[in-house]
Amino acid sequence: MSTLSVVEDQPLDQRAEGYTQLYDALRTQLEGGDLPSRELKN
């Protein structure tokens, strides 16, 4: 069962928190959260 399916099966108040956690995980992955951050030098 996918994470999204698990979230969608939750009661409404828990579903909102589940979507937030899913969004944060996807954003971190897409933004390269597994790569070391690069510091900008001026």
N, C-alpha and C. Protein backbone atom coordinates (compact mmCIF):
# COMPACT_ATOMS: atom_id res chain seq x y z
N MET A 1 0.85 -1.17 0.00
CA MET A 1 0.00 0.00 0.00
C MET A 1 0.90 1.24 0.00
N SER A 2 0.59 2.21 -0.82
CA SER A 2 1.41 3.41 -0.93
C SER A 2 1.17 4.35 0.25
N THR A 3 2.12 5.22 0.48
CA THR A 3 2.01 6.20 1.55
C THR A 3 0.78 7.07 1.35
N LEU A 4 0.52 7.44 0.10
CA LEU A 4 -0.65 8.28 -0.19
C LEU A 4 -1.94 7.56 0.17
N SER A 5 -2.03 6.27 -0.14
CA SER A 5 -3.22 5.50 0.21
C SER A 5 -3.42 5.44 1.72
N VAL A 6 -2.34 5.28 2.45
CA VAL A 6 -2.42 5.25 3.91
C VAL A 6 -2.94 6.58 4.43
N VAL A 7 -2.43 7.68 3.90
CA VAL A 7 -2.86 9.02 4.32
C VAL A 7 -4.34 9.21 4.00
N GLU A 8 -4.76 8.82 2.82
CA GLU A 8 -6.14 9.03 2.41
C GLU A 8 -7.14 8.21 3.23
N ASP A 9 -6.69 7.14 3.84
CA ASP A 9 -7.57 6.30 4.65
C ASP A 9 -7.71 6.79 6.09
N GLN A 10 -6.99 7.85 6.46
CA GLN A 10 -7.02 8.37 7.83
C GLN A 10 -8.21 9.31 8.01
N PRO A 11 -8.64 9.49 9.27
CA PRO A 11 -9.66 10.50 9.56
C PRO A 11 -9.15 11.88 9.15
N LEU A 12 -10.06 12.79 8.89
CA LEU A 12 -9.72 14.10 8.34
C LEU A 12 -8.64 14.83 9.13
N ASP A 13 -8.75 14.88 10.45
CA ASP A 13 -7.76 15.63 11.24
C ASP A 13 -6.37 15.01 11.13
N GLN A 14 -6.27 13.71 11.03
CA GLN A 14 -4.98 13.04 10.87
C GLN A 14 -4.49 13.11 9.43
N ARG A 15 -5.42 13.17 8.50
CA ARG A 15 -5.06 13.24 7.08
C ARG A 15 -4.28 14.51 6.76
N ALA A 16 -4.67 15.62 7.34
CA ALA A 16 -3.96 16.89 7.10
C ALA A 16 -2.51 16.77 7.53
N GLU A 17 -2.26 16.19 8.69
CA GLU A 17 -0.88 16.02 9.17
C GLU A 17 -0.12 15.06 8.26
N GLY A 18 -0.79 14.02 7.79
CA GLY A 18 -0.14 13.06 6.89
C GLY A 18 0.26 13.70 5.57
N TYR A 19 -0.62 14.54 5.03
CA TYR A 19 -0.28 15.25 3.78
C TYR A 19 0.90 16.19 3.99
N THR A 20 0.95 16.84 5.14
CA THR A 20 2.06 17.74 5.45
C THR A 20 3.37 16.97 5.49
N GLN A 21 3.37 15.83 6.15
CA GLN A 21 4.59 15.01 6.24
C GLN A 21 5.00 14.49 4.87
N LEU A 22 4.03 14.06 4.06
CA LEU A 22 4.32 13.57 2.71
C LEU A 22 4.89 14.70 1.85
N TYR A 23 4.30 15.88 1.93
CA TYR A 23 4.79 17.04 1.18
C TYR A 23 6.23 17.37 1.56
N ASP A 24 6.50 17.39 2.87
CA ASP A 24 7.85 17.71 3.33
C ASP A 24 8.87 16.68 2.86
N ALA A 25 8.50 15.40 2.89
CA ALA A 25 9.41 14.35 2.44
C ALA A 25 9.70 14.47 0.95
N LEU A 26 8.66 14.71 0.16
CA LEU A 26 8.85 14.86 -1.29
C LEU A 26 9.67 16.10 -1.62
N ARG A 27 9.40 17.20 -0.93
CA ARG A 27 10.14 18.44 -1.17
C ARG A 27 11.62 18.25 -0.85
N THR A 28 11.91 17.60 0.25
CA THR A 28 13.30 17.34 0.63
C THR A 28 13.99 16.50 -0.42
N GLN A 29 13.31 15.47 -0.90
CA GLN A 29 13.89 14.60 -1.92
C GLN A 29 14.12 15.35 -3.22
N LEU A 30 13.15 16.14 -3.66
CA LEU A 30 13.27 16.86 -4.92
C LEU A 30 14.30 17.98 -4.86
N GLU A 31 14.46 18.57 -3.69
CA GLU A 31 15.43 19.66 -3.54
C GLU A 31 16.83 19.14 -3.25
N GLY A 32 17.01 17.84 -3.28
CA GLY A 32 18.33 17.27 -3.07
C GLY A 32 18.73 17.23 -1.62
N GLY A 33 17.79 16.96 -0.75
CA GLY A 33 18.07 16.91 0.67
C GLY A 33 19.11 15.87 1.06
N ASP A 34 19.36 14.92 0.17
CA ASP A 34 20.35 13.90 0.48
C ASP A 34 21.75 14.31 0.06
N LEU A 35 21.87 15.48 -0.55
CA LEU A 35 23.18 16.00 -0.96
C LEU A 35 23.65 17.04 0.04
N PRO A 36 24.96 17.15 0.24
CA PRO A 36 25.45 18.20 1.14
C PRO A 36 25.10 19.58 0.59
N SER A 37 24.73 20.49 1.46
CA SER A 37 24.39 21.83 0.99
C SER A 37 25.64 22.57 0.56
N ARG A 38 25.46 23.44 -0.40
CA ARG A 38 26.57 24.26 -0.90
C ARG A 38 26.41 25.66 -0.33
N GLU A 39 27.48 26.19 0.19
CA GLU A 39 27.44 27.55 0.70
C GLU A 39 27.77 28.51 -0.43
N LEU A 40 27.00 29.58 -0.51
CA LEU A 40 27.25 30.59 -1.53
C LEU A 40 28.33 31.54 -1.05
N LYS A 41 29.27 31.83 -1.90
CA LYS A 41 30.33 32.77 -1.54
C LYS A 41 30.13 34.04 -2.35
N ASN A 42 30.18 35.17 -1.67
CA ASN A 42 30.01 36.47 -2.34
C ASN A 42 31.34 37.01 -2.77
